[in-house]
C-alpha atoms as a PDB file:
ATOM      1  CA  MET A   1      22.799  -6.257  43.157  1.00  0.00           C
ATOM      2  CA  ALA A   2      21.838  -9.150  40.880  1.00  0.00           C
ATOM      3  CA  GLN A   3      24.508 -10.961  38.972  1.00  0.00           C
ATOM      4  CA  GLU A   4      24.144 -11.913  35.324  1.00  0.00           C
ATOM      5  CA  THR A   5      24.413 -15.565  34.506  1.00  0.00           C
ATOM      6  CA  GLY A   6      25.146 -17.138  31.164  1.00  0.00           C
ATOM      7  CA  PHE A   7      26.161 -15.136  28.112  1.00  0.00           C
ATOM      8  CA  PRO A   8      25.126 -11.547  27.423  1.00  0.00           C
ATOM      9  CA  SER A   9      22.616 -11.005  24.657  1.00  0.00           C
ATOM     10  CA  PRO A  10      24.226 -10.351  21.242  1.00  0.00           C
ATOM     11  CA  ALA A  11      21.568  -7.644  20.768  1.00  0.00           C
ATOM     12  CA  ARG A  12      22.743  -5.668  23.791  1.00  0.00           C
ATOM     13  CA  GLY A  13      23.428  -2.124  22.714  1.00  0.00           C
ATOM     14  CA  TYR A  14      21.356  -2.460  19.532  1.00  0.00           C
ATOM     15  CA  GLU A  15      17.916  -2.129  21.085  1.00  0.00           C
ATOM     16  CA  ALA A  16      15.532   0.035  19.105  1.00  0.00           C
ATOM     17  CA  ALA A  17      12.246   1.677  19.903  1.00  0.00           C
ATOM     18  CA  THR A  18       9.125  -0.268  19.042  1.00  0.00           C
ATOM     19  CA  ILE A  19       7.649   0.293  15.593  1.00  0.00           C
ATOM     20  CA  ASP A  20       4.127   1.685  15.456  1.00  0.00           C
ATOM     21  CA  LEU A  21       2.564   0.850  12.082  1.00  0.00           C
ATOM     22  CA  ASN A  22       0.121   3.744  12.485  1.00  0.00           C
ATOM     23  CA  ASP A  23       3.046   6.184  12.691  1.00  0.00           C
ATOM     24  CA  LEU A  24       4.697   4.515   9.727  1.00  0.00           C
ATOM     25  CA  LEU A  25       1.716   4.135   7.372  1.00  0.00           C
ATOM     26  CA  VAL A  26      -0.983   6.611   8.414  1.00  0.00           C
ATOM     27  CA  HIS A  27      -0.547  10.249   7.424  1.00  0.00           C
ATOM     28  CA  ASN A  28      -4.194  11.295   7.724  1.00  0.00           C
ATOM     29  CA  ALA A  29      -6.024   8.984  10.137  1.00  0.00           C
ATOM     30  CA  PRO A  30      -9.631   9.948   9.287  1.00  0.00           C
ATOM     31  CA  ALA A  31      -8.933   9.342   5.581  1.00  0.00           C
ATOM     32  CA  THR A  32      -6.896   6.121   5.879  1.00  0.00           C
ATOM     33  CA  TYR A  33      -8.306   2.640   5.404  1.00  0.00           C
ATOM     34  CA  PHE A  34      -6.745  -0.796   5.280  1.00  0.00           C
ATOM     35  CA  MET A  35      -7.797  -3.205   2.557  1.00  0.00           C
ATOM     36  CA  ARG A  36      -6.743  -6.780   1.819  1.00  0.00           C
ATOM     37  CA  MET A  37      -5.344  -7.534  -1.662  1.00  0.00           C
ATOM     38  CA  LYS A  38      -7.173 -10.413  -3.362  1.00  0.00           C
ATOM     39  CA  GLY A  39      -5.827 -10.699  -6.909  1.00  0.00           C
ATOM     40  CA  ASP A  40      -2.367 -11.210  -8.326  1.00  0.00           C
ATOM     41  CA  GLN A  41      -2.431  -8.430 -10.933  1.00  0.00           C
ATOM     42  CA  LEU A  42       0.178  -6.383  -9.018  1.00  0.00           C
ATOM     43  CA  VAL A  43       2.742  -9.102  -8.330  1.00  0.00           C
ATOM     44  CA  TYR A  44       5.046  -7.216 -10.720  1.00  0.00           C
ATOM     45  CA  ARG A  45       5.003  -4.375  -8.133  1.00  0.00           C
ATOM     46  CA  GLY A  46       5.724  -6.760  -5.256  1.00  0.00           C
ATOM     47  CA  ILE A  47       2.133  -6.876  -3.995  1.00  0.00           C
ATOM     48  CA  LEU A  48       0.871 -10.382  -3.310  1.00  0.00           C
ATOM     49  CA  PRO A  49      -2.598 -11.764  -2.598  1.00  0.00           C
ATOM     50  CA  GLY A  50      -3.311 -11.357   1.110  1.00  0.00           C
ATOM     51  CA  ASP A  51      -1.155  -8.235   1.548  1.00  0.00           C
ATOM     52  CA  LEU A  52      -2.700  -5.449   3.589  1.00  0.00           C
ATOM     53  CA  LEU A  53      -2.823  -2.104   1.758  1.00  0.00           C
ATOM     54  CA  ALA A  54      -2.904   1.236   3.571  1.00  0.00           C
ATOM     55  CA  VAL A  55      -5.096   3.507   1.431  1.00  0.00           C
ATOM     56  CA  ASP A  56      -5.293   7.260   1.970  1.00  0.00           C
ATOM     57  CA  ARG A  57      -8.398   8.885   0.501  1.00  0.00           C
ATOM     58  CA  SER A  58      -6.930  12.379   0.917  1.00  0.00           C
ATOM     59  CA  ARG A  59      -3.916  11.788  -1.345  1.00  0.00           C
ATOM     60  CA  PRO A  60      -4.446  12.723  -4.993  1.00  0.00           C
ATOM     61  CA  PRO A  61      -3.381  10.100  -7.540  1.00  0.00           C
ATOM     62  CA  VAL A  62      -0.180  10.895  -9.431  1.00  0.00           C
ATOM     63  CA  PRO A  63       1.614   8.938 -12.175  1.00  0.00           C
ATOM     64  CA  GLY A  64       3.517   5.999 -10.723  1.00  0.00           C
ATOM     65  CA  CYS A  65       1.382   5.633  -7.608  1.00  0.00           C
ATOM     66  CA  LEU A  66      -1.003   2.805  -6.898  1.00  0.00           C
ATOM     67  CA  VAL A  67      -4.682   3.595  -6.429  1.00  0.00           C
ATOM     68  CA  VAL A  68      -7.725   1.681  -5.298  1.00  0.00           C
ATOM     69  CA  PHE A  69     -10.800   2.361  -7.399  1.00  0.00           C
ATOM     70  CA  ARG A  70     -14.290   0.966  -7.733  1.00  0.00           C
ATOM     71  CA  GLN A  71     -15.081  -1.046 -10.855  1.00  0.00           C
ATOM     72  CA  ASP A  72     -18.321  -3.013 -11.268  1.00  0.00           C
ATOM     73  CA  ASP A  73     -19.096  -2.687  -7.529  1.00  0.00           C
ATOM     74  CA  GLU A  74     -15.718  -4.170  -6.596  1.00  0.00           C
ATOM     75  CA  PHE A  75     -12.525  -2.487  -5.472  1.00  0.00           C
ATOM     76  CA  THR A  76      -9.489  -2.891  -7.724  1.00  0.00           C
ATOM     77  CA  CYS A  77      -5.898  -1.736  -7.316  1.00  0.00           C
ATOM     78  CA  ARG A  78      -3.829  -0.492 -10.252  1.00  0.00           C
ATOM     79  CA  GLU A  79      -0.953   1.800 -11.115  1.00  0.00           C
ATOM     80  CA  VAL A  80      -1.621   5.301 -12.456  1.00  0.00           C
ATOM     81  CA  VAL A  81       0.262   6.053 -15.697  1.00  0.00           C
ATOM     82  CA  ARG A  82       0.156   9.083 -17.930  1.00  0.00           C
ATOM     83  CA  ASP A  83      -0.224   9.002 -21.697  1.00  0.00           C
ATOM     84  CA  GLY A  84       0.017  12.549 -22.989  1.00  0.00           C
ATOM     85  CA  ASP A  85      -2.897  14.410 -21.452  1.00  0.00           C
ATOM     86  CA  ARG A  86      -4.693  11.228 -20.342  1.00  0.00           C
ATOM     87  CA  TYR A  87      -4.360   9.247 -17.157  1.00  0.00           C
ATOM     88  CA  LEU A  88      -4.616   5.466 -17.372  1.00  0.00           C
ATOM     89  CA  LEU A  89      -4.968   2.677 -14.834  1.00  0.00           C
ATOM     90  CA  ALA A  90      -2.498  -0.085 -15.686  1.00  0.00           C
ATOM     91  CA  ASP A  91      -1.868  -3.598 -14.429  1.00  0.00           C
ATOM     92  CA  GLY A  92       1.067  -5.932 -14.988  1.00  0.00           C
ATOM     93  CA  ALA A  93      -0.655  -7.737 -17.855  1.00  0.00           C
ATOM     94  CA  GLY A  94      -0.469  -4.671 -20.102  1.00  0.00           C
ATOM     95  CA  ASN A  95      -4.094  -3.670 -19.613  1.00  0.00           C
ATOM     96  CA  GLN A  96      -4.611   0.086 -19.505  1.00  0.00           C
ATOM     97  CA  ASP A  97      -8.011   1.628 -18.881  1.00  0.00           C
ATOM     98  CA  PRO A  98      -8.569   5.383 -19.128  1.00  0.00           C
ATOM     99  CA  VAL A  99      -9.538   7.336 -16.038  1.00  0.00           C
ATOM    100  CA  THR A 100     -12.927   8.835 -16.838  1.00  0.00           C
ATOM    101  CA  GLU A 101     -15.494  10.851 -14.921  1.00  0.00           C
ATOM    102  CA  GLU A 102     -17.196   7.537 -14.087  1.00  0.00           C
ATOM    103  CA  THR A 103     -14.019   6.140 -12.500  1.00  0.00           C
ATOM    104  CA  GLU A 104     -14.421   6.387  -8.736  1.00  0.00           C
ATOM    105  CA  ILE A 105     -10.908   6.520  -7.290  1.00  0.00           C
ATOM    106  CA  PHE A 106     -11.117   5.530  -3.641  1.00  0.00           C
ATOM    107  CA  GLY A 107      -7.582   6.536  -2.601  1.00  0.00           C
ATOM    108  CA  ALA A 108      -3.833   6.201  -3.063  1.00  0.00           C
ATOM    109  CA  VAL A 109      -1.891   3.278  -1.581  1.00  0.00           C
ATOM    110  CA  THR A 110       0.610   4.600   0.972  1.00  0.00           C
ATOM    111  CA  GLY A 111       1.965   1.347   2.354  1.00  0.00           C
ATOM    112  CA  ILE A 112       1.859  -2.435   2.327  1.00  0.00           C
ATOM    113  CA  VAL A 113       1.995  -4.923   5.203  1.00  0.00           C
ATOM    114  CA  ARG A 114       2.763  -8.586   4.606  1.00  0.00           C
ATOM    115  CA  LYS A 115       2.718 -11.358   7.164  1.00  0.00           C
ATOM    116  CA  LEU A 116       5.127 -14.168   6.348  1.00  0.00           C
END
């Protein structure tokens, strides 16, 4: 039998299972994509440039959620808000664009990963 030397680990007894980000962030694997945030328009929501967004194409957009949509051949992320019967895409600067038939919503953001 081996003897312990030194001091026992302060974490002894508090070990936890490993965290699998796929289990945590992916609800529908074939419909989930990861995209890197470029702009700073969602800093007010705690999303910084360089953050990794988990985007689920199978989740319908609802007021309060963040969505990725295509605008001028680029992907953009904004918050969905409701104004009466209309849905709008809002950013932290007060800009609100209506969701129209031409708006191609790519998917809803289901999680964010940030490396410090």
